[in-house]
Amino acid sequence: MTVAAVHRCLDVLECLAGAIGGLELHDIAARVGSPKSGVHRLLATLVDRGWVVQDADTGHYVLSLRFSTLAFRDLDARVVTDVAQEILDTLARRTQEYCRLGVVEGETIAWVARAQGATAGLRYDADMGQEVALHATATGKAWLATLPEEDALRLICARGFFAHLRLGPRALSTVEGLKRQLAATRTRGYAVAVEEAEPGIVALATTFRTDPRPDAPVAGTLSVAGPVSRITPERYPQIHAALAEGAAALESVWRLRVRQRARAQRYGPKPAPKPVNAARPGAKPATPLKVRA
């Protein structure tokens, strides 16, 4: 398979992701900008391998559950553990807002876990699969503020300020504006985004590191988001304190995670434990008990 074919295959998969009810062949071909014949061959292979399913009645193509299974397996392998989820749940209960955990992936961030703390009134529930607009989210700005300024600007200029069409009315659009925001983030210790990613939504975020050392690599972000009518500037100090406690707890968890991964890479996975009642080599099989009904 050529590099171009790999790109087309990935385009098809990204096109199908989140398409409720699936898409017809001509819709997929139009969206990825490729001839129907070539797209049909790719789809046939994906169907044959079990990654895509074609509805027998409508003919629409949809992603199979193998993608969800693969994603959860990968998250489990990364040890985004129940402990990390408990920390996120605690943050959500304390702030009574929507909270998310993001993990640094190369030159971007991916949201991997969430918790809803709002129990009444307006509830903000964001799409976990959406791309993180680094310059327009508290999550993105919190991470960018930890990078050398030239690296942060390079990342944003490479993507462009208008690469994300659906942003809020106050999204940053200039390099100077971004510099000021990142400087303010470094000064206060957390990032704020007011109607930048979405209209009517404000978010606060902070980073956590792979371990408690100040110079340890940044592992990810914690964020709290909700309606502007509820998350007012008066609440910022309280939310920041909750974020800081959650980040400190996550750093302790991530330190164990790093050690586990290093051990697995060096020694391989731990062998499966033997059953407690495993028979000894050469032992006679146990006689089953007869129970009267």
C-alpha atoms as a PDB file:
ATOM      1  CA  MET A   1       0.000   0.000   0.000  1.00  0.00           C
ATOM      2  CA  THR A   2       1.365   3.412  -0.965  1.00  0.00           C
ATOM      3  CA  VAL A   3       1.572   6.391   1.373  1.00  0.00           C
ATOM      4  CA  ALA A   4      -1.213   8.070  -0.623  1.00  0.00           C
ATOM      5  CA  ALA A   5      -3.431   5.022  -0.129  1.00  0.00           C
ATOM      6  CA  VAL A   6      -2.794   5.110   3.612  1.00  0.00           C
ATOM      7  CA  HIS A   7      -3.813   8.779   3.665  1.00  0.00           C
ATOM      8  CA  ARG A   8      -7.015   7.979   1.753  1.00  0.00           C
ATOM      9  CA  CYS A   9      -7.805   5.134   4.127  1.00  0.00           C
ATOM     10  CA  LEU A  10      -7.377   7.392   7.158  1.00  0.00           C
ATOM     11  CA  ASP A  11      -9.490  10.089   5.482  1.00  0.00           C
ATOM     12  CA  VAL A  12     -12.284   7.550   5.017  1.00  0.00           C
ATOM     13  CA  LEU A  13     -12.115   6.425   8.648  1.00  0.00           C
ATOM     14  CA  GLU A  14     -12.133  10.013   9.939  1.00  0.00           C
ATOM     15  CA  CYS A  15     -15.060  10.755   7.642  1.00  0.00           C
ATOM     16  CA  LEU A  16     -17.083   7.883   9.110  1.00  0.00           C
ATOM     17  CA  ALA A  17     -16.215   8.724  12.715  1.00  0.00           C
ATOM     18  CA  GLY A  18     -19.287  10.205  14.375  1.00  0.00           C
ATOM     19  CA  ALA A  19     -21.482   9.882  11.263  1.00  0.00           C
ATOM     20  CA  ILE A  20     -24.775   8.844  12.852  1.00  0.00           C
ATOM     21  CA  GLY A  21     -26.497   6.302  10.643  1.00  0.00           C
ATOM     22  CA  GLY A  22     -23.433   5.987   8.438  1.00  0.00           C
ATOM     23  CA  LEU A  23     -22.745   7.384   4.973  1.00  0.00           C
ATOM     24  CA  GLU A  24     -23.319   6.250   1.418  1.00  0.00           C
ATOM     25  CA  LEU A  25     -20.422   5.579  -0.933  1.00  0.00           C
ATOM     26  CA  HIS A  26     -20.895   8.749  -2.981  1.00  0.00           C
ATOM     27  CA  ASP A  27     -21.034  10.895   0.185  1.00  0.00           C
ATOM     28  CA  ILE A  28     -17.777   9.423   1.454  1.00  0.00           C
ATOM     29  CA  ALA A  29     -16.065   9.851  -1.916  1.00  0.00           C
ATOM     30  CA  ALA A  30     -17.201  13.481  -2.102  1.00  0.00           C
ATOM     31  CA  ARG A  31     -16.027  14.296   1.415  1.00  0.00           C
ATOM     32  CA  VAL A  32     -12.560  12.780   1.004  1.00  0.00           C
ATOM     33  CA  GLY A  33     -12.182  14.046  -2.573  1.00  0.00           C
ATOM     34  CA  SER A  34     -11.386  10.675  -4.151  1.00  0.00           C
ATOM     35  CA  PRO A  35     -12.954   8.654  -6.996  1.00  0.00           C
ATOM     36  CA  LYS A  36     -15.770   6.335  -5.950  1.00  0.00           C
ATOM     37  CA  SER A  37     -13.991   3.309  -7.398  1.00  0.00           C
ATOM     38  CA  GLY A  38     -10.928   3.795  -5.205  1.00  0.00           C
ATOM     39  CA  VAL A  39     -12.994   4.553  -2.104  1.00  0.00           C
ATOM     40  CA  HIS A  40     -15.111   1.469  -2.762  1.00  0.00           C
ATOM     41  CA  ARG A  41     -12.007  -0.735  -2.814  1.00  0.00           C
ATOM     42  CA  LEU A  42     -10.823   0.734   0.477  1.00  0.00           C
ATOM     43  CA  LEU A  43     -14.232   0.218   2.059  1.00  0.00           C
ATOM     44  CA  ALA A  44     -14.388  -3.363   0.806  1.00  0.00           C
ATOM     45  CA  THR A  45     -11.059  -4.088   2.488  1.00  0.00           C
ATOM     46  CA  LEU A  46     -12.130  -2.400   5.723  1.00  0.00           C
ATOM     47  CA  VAL A  47     -15.385  -4.368   5.719  1.00  0.00           C
ATOM     48  CA  ASP A  48     -13.472  -7.581   5.074  1.00  0.00           C
ATOM     49  CA  ARG A  49     -11.159  -6.836   8.020  1.00  0.00           C
ATOM     50  CA  GLY A  50     -14.079  -5.995  10.309  1.00  0.00           C
ATOM     51  CA  TRP A  51     -13.309  -2.304  10.827  1.00  0.00           C
ATOM     52  CA  VAL A  52     -16.302  -1.058   8.832  1.00  0.00           C
ATOM     53  CA  VAL A  53     -19.823  -2.480   8.529  1.00  0.00           C
ATOM     54  CA  GLN A  54     -22.205  -1.962   5.609  1.00  0.00           C
ATOM     55  CA  ASP A  55     -25.888  -1.819   6.513  1.00  0.00           C
ATOM     56  CA  ALA A  56     -27.754  -4.467   4.528  1.00  0.00           C
ATOM     57  CA  ASP A  57     -30.889  -2.317   4.184  1.00  0.00           C
ATOM     58  CA  THR A  58     -29.536   1.182   3.482  1.00  0.00           C
ATOM     59  CA  GLY A  59     -26.116   0.342   2.068  1.00  0.00           C
ATOM     60  CA  HIS A  60     -24.600   2.933   4.416  1.00  0.00           C
ATOM     61  CA  TYR A  61     -21.117   2.370   5.798  1.00  0.00           C
ATOM     62  CA  VAL A  62     -20.462   2.755   9.537  1.00  0.00           C
ATOM     63  CA  LEU A  63     -17.458   2.152  11.758  1.00  0.00           C
ATOM     64  CA  SER A  64     -17.578  -1.132  13.632  1.00  0.00           C
ATOM     65  CA  LEU A  65     -17.252  -1.415  17.396  1.00  0.00           C
ATOM     66  CA  ARG A  66     -13.689  -2.649  16.921  1.00  0.00           C
ATOM     67  CA  PHE A  67     -12.554   0.994  16.978  1.00  0.00           C
ATOM     68  CA  SER A  68     -14.172   1.616  20.364  1.00  0.00           C
ATOM     69  CA  THR A  69     -12.733  -1.622  21.703  1.00  0.00           C
ATOM     70  CA  LEU A  70      -9.277  -0.721  20.414  1.00  0.00           C
ATOM     71  CA  ALA A  71      -9.477   2.758  21.941  1.00  0.00           C
ATOM     72  CA  PHE A  72     -10.463   1.418  25.353  1.00  0.00           C
ATOM     73  CA  ARG A  73      -7.712  -1.208  25.197  1.00  0.00           C
ATOM     74  CA  ASP A  74      -5.186   1.511  24.431  1.00  0.00           C
ATOM     75  CA  LEU A  75      -6.424   3.732  27.251  1.00  0.00           C
ATOM     76  CA  ASP A  76      -6.249   0.790  29.620  1.00  0.00           C
ATOM     77  CA  ALA A  77      -2.682   0.065  28.510  1.00  0.00           C
ATOM     78  CA  ARG A  78      -1.791   3.681  29.259  1.00  0.00           C
ATOM     79  CA  VAL A  79      -3.088   3.141  32.785  1.00  0.00           C
ATOM     80  CA  VAL A  80      -5.702   5.871  32.820  1.00  0.00           C
ATOM     81  CA  THR A  81      -6.815   4.061  35.944  1.00  0.00           C
ATOM     82  CA  ASP A  82      -9.823   4.014  38.186  1.00  0.00           C
ATOM     83  CA  VAL A  83      -7.719   6.101  40.585  1.00  0.00           C
ATOM     84  CA  ALA A  84      -7.394   8.879  37.992  1.00  0.00           C
ATOM     85  CA  GLN A  85     -11.150   8.713  37.371  1.00  0.00           C
ATOM     86  CA  GLU A  86     -11.778   8.992  41.105  1.00  0.00           C
ATOM     87  CA  ILE A  87      -9.647  12.136  41.207  1.00  0.00           C
ATOM     88  CA  LEU A  88     -11.675  13.551  38.312  1.00  0.00           C
ATOM     89  CA  ASP A  89     -14.958  12.591  40.011  1.00  0.00           C
ATOM     90  CA  THR A  90     -13.831  14.324  43.198  1.00  0.00           C
ATOM     91  CA  LEU A  91     -13.004  17.484  41.244  1.00  0.00           C
ATOM     92  CA  ALA A  92     -16.438  17.378  39.589  1.00  0.00           C
ATOM     93  CA  ARG A  93     -18.238  16.976  42.925  1.00  0.00           C
ATOM     94  CA  ARG A  94     -16.233  19.785  44.481  1.00  0.00           C
ATOM     95  CA  THR A  95     -16.766  22.284  41.663  1.00  0.00           C
ATOM     96  CA  GLN A  96     -20.194  20.973  40.570  1.00  0.00           C
ATOM     97  CA  GLU A  97     -19.123  21.512  36.976  1.00  0.00           C
ATOM     98  CA  TYR A  98     -17.970  19.505  33.947  1.00  0.00           C
ATOM     99  CA  CYS A  99     -14.372  18.292  34.324  1.00  0.00           C
ATOM    100  CA  ARG A 100     -11.969  16.677  31.873  1.00  0.00           C
ATOM    101  CA  LEU A 101      -8.587  15.002  31.908  1.00  0.00           C
ATOM    102  CA  GLY A 102      -6.305  15.615  28.926  1.00  0.00           C
ATOM    103  CA  VAL A 103      -3.098  13.788  28.048  1.00  0.00           C
ATOM    104  CA  VAL A 104      -0.230  15.251  26.014  1.00  0.00           C
ATOM    105  CA  GLU A 105       0.162  13.374  22.720  1.00  0.00           C
ATOM    106  CA  GLY A 106       3.149  14.611  20.735  1.00  0.00           C
ATOM    107  CA  GLU A 107       2.302  18.163  19.705  1.00  0.00           C
ATOM    108  CA  THR A 108      -1.289  18.202  20.878  1.00  0.00           C
ATOM    109  CA  ILE A 109      -3.581  17.094  23.705  1.00  0.00           C
ATOM    110  CA  ALA A 110      -6.292  14.436  23.707  1.00  0.00           C
ATOM    111  CA  TRP A 111      -9.143  14.302  26.207  1.00  0.00           C
ATOM    112  CA  VAL A 112      -9.300  10.823  27.720  1.00  0.00           C
ATOM    113  CA  ALA A 113     -11.678  11.044  30.695  1.00  0.00           C
ATOM    114  CA  ARG A 114     -14.474  13.234  32.022  1.00  0.00           C
ATOM    115  CA  ALA A 115     -16.834  13.681  34.963  1.00  0.00           C
ATOM    116  CA  GLN A 116     -20.044  15.689  35.247  1.00  0.00           C
ATOM    117  CA  GLY A 117     -20.562  17.524  38.508  1.00  0.00           C
ATOM    118  CA  ALA A 118     -23.514  19.764  37.628  1.00  0.00           C
ATOM    119  CA  THR A 119     -26.633  18.518  39.404  1.00  0.00           C
ATOM    120  CA  ALA A 120     -29.071  21.306  38.603  1.00  0.00           C
ATOM    121  CA  GLY A 121     -29.592  24.105  36.120  1.00  0.00           C
ATOM    122  CA  LEU A 122     -27.588  24.286  32.910  1.00  0.00           C
ATOM    123  CA  ARG A 123     -25.365  21.292  32.158  1.00  0.00           C
ATOM    124  CA  TYR A 124     -22.414  21.538  29.806  1.00  0.00           C
ATOM    125  CA  ASP A 125     -21.500  18.233  28.119  1.00  0.00           C
ATOM    126  CA  ALA A 126     -18.769  18.503  25.496  1.00  0.00           C
ATOM    127  CA  ASP A 127     -17.846  16.047  22.764  1.00  0.00           C
ATOM    128  CA  MET A 128     -14.851  14.040  23.992  1.00  0.00           C
ATOM    129  CA  GLY A 129     -13.814  13.186  20.446  1.00  0.00           C
ATOM    130  CA  GLN A 130     -13.391  16.731  19.193  1.00  0.00           C
ATOM    131  CA  GLU A 131      -9.946  18.110  18.438  1.00  0.00           C
ATOM    132  CA  VAL A 132      -8.496  20.405  21.087  1.00  0.00           C
ATOM    133  CA  ALA A 133      -8.120  23.933  19.715  1.00  0.00           C
ATOM    134  CA  LEU A 134      -4.913  24.758  21.560  1.00  0.00           C
ATOM    135  CA  HIS A 135      -5.194  28.556  21.282  1.00  0.00           C
ATOM    136  CA  ALA A 136      -8.909  28.730  22.126  1.00  0.00           C
ATOM    137  CA  THR A 137      -9.277  26.359  25.087  1.00  0.00           C
ATOM    138  CA  ALA A 138      -8.113  26.637  28.666  1.00  0.00           C
ATOM    139  CA  THR A 139      -6.710  23.121  28.259  1.00  0.00           C
ATOM    140  CA  GLY A 140      -4.598  24.146  25.278  1.00  0.00           C
ATOM    141  CA  LYS A 141      -3.390  27.422  26.745  1.00  0.00           C
ATOM    142  CA  ALA A 142      -2.441  25.805  30.054  1.00  0.00           C
ATOM    143  CA  TRP A 143      -0.157  23.422  28.180  1.00  0.00           C
ATOM    144  CA  LEU A 144       1.192  26.019  25.734  1.00  0.00           C
ATOM    145  CA  ALA A 145       2.174  28.227  28.666  1.00  0.00           C
ATOM    146  CA  THR A 146       4.570  25.507  29.882  1.00  0.00           C
ATOM    147  CA  LEU A 147       6.434  25.450  26.555  1.00  0.00           C
ATOM    148  CA  PRO A 148       9.130  27.866  25.393  1.00  0.00           C
ATOM    149  CA  GLU A 149       7.299  30.755  23.733  1.00  0.00           C
ATOM    150  CA  GLU A 150       8.809  30.073  20.302  1.00  0.00           C
ATOM    151  CA  ASP A 151       7.612  26.452  20.438  1.00  0.00           C
ATOM    152  CA  ALA A 152       4.099  27.465  21.459  1.00  0.00           C
ATOM    153  CA  LEU A 153       3.858  30.044  18.672  1.00  0.00           C
ATOM    154  CA  ARG A 154       5.232  27.571  16.140  1.00  0.00           C
ATOM    155  CA  LEU A 155       2.515  25.051  16.989  1.00  0.00           C
ATOM    156  CA  ILE A 156      -0.278  27.581  16.621  1.00  0.00           C
ATOM    157  CA  CYS A 157       1.084  29.254  13.481  1.00  0.00           C
ATOM    158  CA  ALA A 158       1.482  25.840  11.839  1.00  0.00           C
ATOM    159  CA  ARG A 159      -2.204  25.104  12.472  1.00  0.00           C
ATOM    160  CA  GLY A 160      -3.527  28.613  11.937  1.00  0.00           C
ATOM    161  CA  PHE A 161      -5.867  30.604  14.156  1.00  0.00           C
ATOM    162  CA  PHE A 162      -8.834  29.838  11.927  1.00  0.00           C
ATOM    163  CA  ALA A 163      -8.274  26.110  11.396  1.00  0.00           C
ATOM    164  CA  HIS A 164     -11.205  25.427  13.742  1.00  0.00           C
ATOM    165  CA  LEU A 165     -14.317  26.927  12.170  1.00  0.00           C
ATOM    166  CA  ARG A 166     -16.601  26.441  15.156  1.00  0.00           C
ATOM    167  CA  LEU A 167     -15.148  28.610  17.883  1.00  0.00           C
ATOM    168  CA  GLY A 168     -16.556  31.140  20.290  1.00  0.00           C
ATOM    169  CA  PRO A 169     -16.841  34.889  19.651  1.00  0.00           C
ATOM    170  CA  ARG A 170     -13.805  35.716  21.802  1.00  0.00           C
ATOM    171  CA  ALA A 171     -11.345  33.218  20.302  1.00  0.00           C
ATOM    172  CA  LEU A 172      -7.813  34.547  19.874  1.00  0.00           C
ATOM    173  CA  SER A 173      -6.849  35.501  16.339  1.00  0.00           C
ATOM    174  CA  THR A 174      -3.432  37.177  16.639  1.00  0.00           C
ATOM    175  CA  VAL A 175       0.050  36.197  17.785  1.00  0.00           C
ATOM    176  CA  GLU A 176       0.252  39.210  20.113  1.00  0.00           C
ATOM    177  CA  GLY A 177      -3.038  38.266  21.740  1.00  0.00           C
ATOM    178  CA  LEU A 178      -1.798  34.726  22.289  1.00  0.00           C
ATOM    179  CA  LYS A 179       1.474  35.988  23.813  1.00  0.00           C
ATOM    180  CA  ARG A 180      -0.467  38.115  26.317  1.00  0.00           C
ATOM    181  CA  GLN A 181      -2.739  35.214  27.258  1.00  0.00           C
ATOM    182  CA  LEU A 182       0.145  32.800  27.780  1.00  0.00           C
ATOM    183  CA  ALA A 183       2.012  35.357  29.895  1.00  0.00           C
ATOM    184  CA  ALA A 184      -1.095  35.860  32.046  1.00  0.00           C
ATOM    185  CA  THR A 185      -1.468  32.092  32.386  1.00  0.00           C
ATOM    186  CA  ARG A 186       2.106  31.730  33.637  1.00  0.00           C
ATOM    187  CA  THR A 187       1.592  34.562  36.141  1.00  0.00           C
ATOM    188  CA  ARG A 188      -1.661  33.303  37.675  1.00  0.00           C
ATOM    189  CA  GLY A 189      -0.800  29.591  37.453  1.00  0.00           C
ATOM    190  CA  TYR A 190      -3.840  28.484  35.472  1.00  0.00           C
ATOM    191  CA  ALA A 191      -5.473  29.204  32.108  1.00  0.00           C
ATOM    192  CA  VAL A 192      -8.854  30.796  31.466  1.00  0.00           C
ATOM    193  CA  ALA A 193     -10.950  30.729  28.290  1.00  0.00           C
ATOM    194  CA  VAL A 194     -14.135  32.812  28.282  1.00  0.00           C
ATOM    195  CA  GLU A 195     -16.360  32.139  25.251  1.00  0.00           C
ATOM    196  CA  GLU A 196     -13.310  31.242  23.180  1.00  0.00           C
ATOM    197  CA  ALA A 197     -13.944  27.599  22.346  1.00  0.00           C
ATOM    198  CA  GLU A 198     -17.742  27.874  22.497  1.00  0.00           C
ATOM    199  CA  PRO A 199     -20.291  30.661  22.996  1.00  0.00           C
ATOM    200  CA  GLY A 200     -21.539  30.968  26.562  1.00  0.00           C
ATOM    201  CA  ILE A 201     -18.894  28.667  28.059  1.00  0.00           C
ATOM    202  CA  VAL A 202     -15.972  29.492  30.354  1.00  0.00           C
ATOM    203  CA  ALA A 203     -13.227  27.053  31.326  1.00  0.00           C
ATOM    204  CA  LEU A 204     -10.263  26.971  33.683  1.00  0.00           C
ATOM    205  CA  ALA A 205      -7.378  24.512  33.356  1.00  0.00           C
ATOM    206  CA  THR A 206      -4.045  23.611  34.854  1.00  0.00           C
ATOM    207  CA  THR A 207      -1.319  21.127  33.969  1.00  0.00           C
ATOM    208  CA  PHE A 208       0.060  18.175  35.889  1.00  0.00           C
ATOM    209  CA  ARG A 209       3.471  16.567  35.482  1.00  0.00           C
ATOM    210  CA  THR A 210       4.740  13.009  35.294  1.00  0.00           C
ATOM    211  CA  ASP A 211       5.829  13.343  38.928  1.00  0.00           C
ATOM    212  CA  PRO A 212       5.877  16.096  41.585  1.00  0.00           C
ATOM    213  CA  ARG A 213       9.295  17.491  40.538  1.00  0.00           C
ATOM    214  CA  PRO A 214       8.951  21.081  39.193  1.00  0.00           C
ATOM    215  CA  ASP A 215      11.080  20.237  36.147  1.00  0.00           C
ATOM    216  CA  ALA A 216       9.321  16.947  35.325  1.00  0.00           C
ATOM    217  CA  PRO A 217       7.699  16.703  31.861  1.00  0.00           C
ATOM    218  CA  VAL A 218       4.079  17.823  31.570  1.00  0.00           C
ATOM    219  CA  ALA A 219       1.848  14.742  31.350  1.00  0.00           C
ATOM    220  CA  GLY A 220      -1.532  16.369  30.815  1.00  0.00           C
ATOM    221  CA  THR A 221      -4.192  18.813  31.937  1.00  0.00           C
ATOM    222  CA  LEU A 222      -7.174  19.085  34.250  1.00  0.00           C
ATOM    223  CA  SER A 223     -10.010  21.421  33.300  1.00  0.00           C
ATOM    224  CA  VAL A 224     -13.308  22.675  34.685  1.00  0.00           C
ATOM    225  CA  ALA A 225     -15.937  24.144  32.345  1.00  0.00           C
ATOM    226  CA  GLY A 226     -19.457  25.484  32.591  1.00  0.00           C
ATOM    227  CA  PRO A 227     -21.820  28.342  31.693  1.00  0.00           C
ATOM    228  CA  VAL A 228     -20.523  31.920  31.997  1.00  0.00           C
ATOM    229  CA  SER A 229     -23.514  32.698  34.200  1.00  0.00           C
ATOM    230  CA  ARG A 230     -22.256  30.237  36.796  1.00  0.00           C
ATOM    231  CA  ILE A 231     -18.448  30.267  36.547  1.00  0.00           C
ATOM    232  CA  THR A 232     -17.859  33.924  37.360  1.00  0.00           C
ATOM    233  CA  PRO A 233     -14.472  35.534  38.183  1.00  0.00           C
ATOM    234  CA  GLU A 234     -15.393  35.370  41.876  1.00  0.00           C
ATOM    235  CA  ARG A 235     -15.266  31.560  41.662  1.00  0.00           C
ATOM    236  CA  TYR A 236     -11.878  31.395  39.924  1.00  0.00           C
ATOM    237  CA  PRO A 237      -9.771  31.126  43.135  1.00  0.00           C
ATOM    238  CA  GLN A 238     -11.952  28.317  44.502  1.00  0.00           C
ATOM    239  CA  ILE A 239     -11.844  26.382  41.221  1.00  0.00           C
ATOM    240  CA  HIS A 240      -8.104  26.945  40.896  1.00  0.00           C
ATOM    241  CA  ALA A 241      -7.556  25.498  44.381  1.00  0.00           C
ATOM    242  CA  ALA A 242      -9.566  22.405  43.442  1.00  0.00           C
ATOM    243  CA  LEU A 243      -7.623  22.051  40.189  1.00  0.00           C
ATOM    244  CA  ALA A 244      -4.296  22.344  42.018  1.00  0.00           C
ATOM    245  CA  GLU A 245      -5.243  19.602  44.478  1.00  0.00           C
ATOM    246  CA  GLY A 246      -6.400  17.343  41.660  1.00  0.00           C
ATOM    247  CA  ALA A 247      -3.190  17.962  39.710  1.00  0.00           C
ATOM    248  CA  ALA A 248      -1.054  17.095  42.752  1.00  0.00           C
ATOM    249  CA  ALA A 249      -2.978  13.855  43.237  1.00  0.00           C
ATOM    250  CA  LEU A 250      -2.605  12.964  39.557  1.00  0.00           C
ATOM    251  CA  GLU A 251       1.147  13.536  39.682  1.00  0.00           C
ATOM    252  CA  SER A 252       1.393  10.854  42.354  1.00  0.00           C
ATOM    253  CA  VAL A 253      -0.638   8.450  40.196  1.00  0.00           C
ATOM    254  CA  TRP A 254       1.350   9.238  37.060  1.00  0.00           C
ATOM    255  CA  ARG A 255       4.633   8.580  38.844  1.00  0.00           C
ATOM    256  CA  LEU A 256       3.490   4.990  39.450  1.00  0.00           C
ATOM    257  CA  ARG A 257       2.252   4.789  35.865  1.00  0.00           C
ATOM    258  CA  VAL A 258       5.664   5.778  34.500  1.00  0.00           C
ATOM    259  CA  ARG A 259       7.369   3.186  36.688  1.00  0.00           C
ATOM    260  CA  GLN A 260       4.944   0.470  35.554  1.00  0.00           C
ATOM    261  CA  ARG A 261       5.533   1.251  31.885  1.00  0.00           C
ATOM    262  CA  ALA A 262       9.313   1.360  32.353  1.00  0.00           C
ATOM    263  CA  ARG A 263       9.236  -2.003  34.105  1.00  0.00           C
ATOM    264  CA  ALA A 264       7.066  -3.513  31.362  1.00  0.00           C
ATOM    265  CA  GLN A 265       9.459  -2.251  28.670  1.00  0.00           C
ATOM    266  CA  ARG A 266      12.481  -3.635  30.515  1.00  0.00           C
ATOM    267  CA  TYR A 267      11.200  -6.962  31.790  1.00  0.00           C
ATOM    268  CA  GLY A 268       8.074  -7.566  29.732  1.00  0.00           C
ATOM    269  CA  PRO A 269       4.552  -7.999  31.087  1.00  0.00           C
ATOM    270  CA  LYS A 270       4.124  -9.826  34.342  1.00  0.00           C
ATOM    271  CA  PRO A 271       3.191 -13.517  33.915  1.00  0.00           C
ATOM    272  CA  ALA A 272      -0.390 -14.413  34.676  1.00  0.00           C
ATOM    273  CA  PRO A 273      -0.776 -15.729  38.237  1.00  0.00           C
ATOM    274  CA  LYS A 274      -1.368 -19.448  38.601  1.00  0.00           C
ATOM    275  CA  PRO A 275      -4.805 -20.466  39.875  1.00  0.00           C
ATOM    276  CA  VAL A 276      -4.837 -21.128  43.593  1.00  0.00           C
ATOM    277  CA  ASN A 277      -6.200 -24.618  43.050  1.00  0.00           C
ATOM    278  CA  ALA A 278      -3.860 -25.486  40.159  1.00  0.00           C
ATOM    279  CA  ALA A 279      -2.887 -29.167  40.156  1.00  0.00           C
ATOM    280  CA  ARG A 280       0.742 -30.144  40.748  1.00  0.00           C
ATOM    281  CA  PRO A 281       2.546 -31.859  37.854  1.00  0.00           C
ATOM    282  CA  GLY A 282       1.770 -35.590  37.936  1.00  0.00           C
ATOM    283  CA  ALA A 283      -0.953 -35.203  40.532  1.00  0.00           C
ATOM    284  CA  LYS A 284      -4.132 -37.238  40.145  1.00  0.00           C
ATOM    285  CA  PRO A 285      -7.272 -35.291  39.311  1.00  0.00           C
ATOM    286  CA  ALA A 286      -9.439 -34.534  42.293  1.00  0.00           C
ATOM    287  CA  THR A 287     -12.502 -36.703  42.836  1.00  0.00           C
ATOM    288  CA  PRO A 288     -15.631 -34.593  42.468  1.00  0.00           C
ATOM    289  CA  LEU A 289     -17.838 -34.353  45.529  1.00  0.00           C
ATOM    290  CA  LYS A 290     -21.266 -35.899  45.310  1.00  0.00           C
ATOM    291  CA  VAL A 291     -23.921 -33.625  46.701  1.00  0.00           C
ATOM    292  CA  ARG A 292     -27.401 -34.851  47.480  1.00  0.00           C
ATOM    293  CA  ALA A 293     -30.130 -32.551  46.345  1.00  0.00           C
END
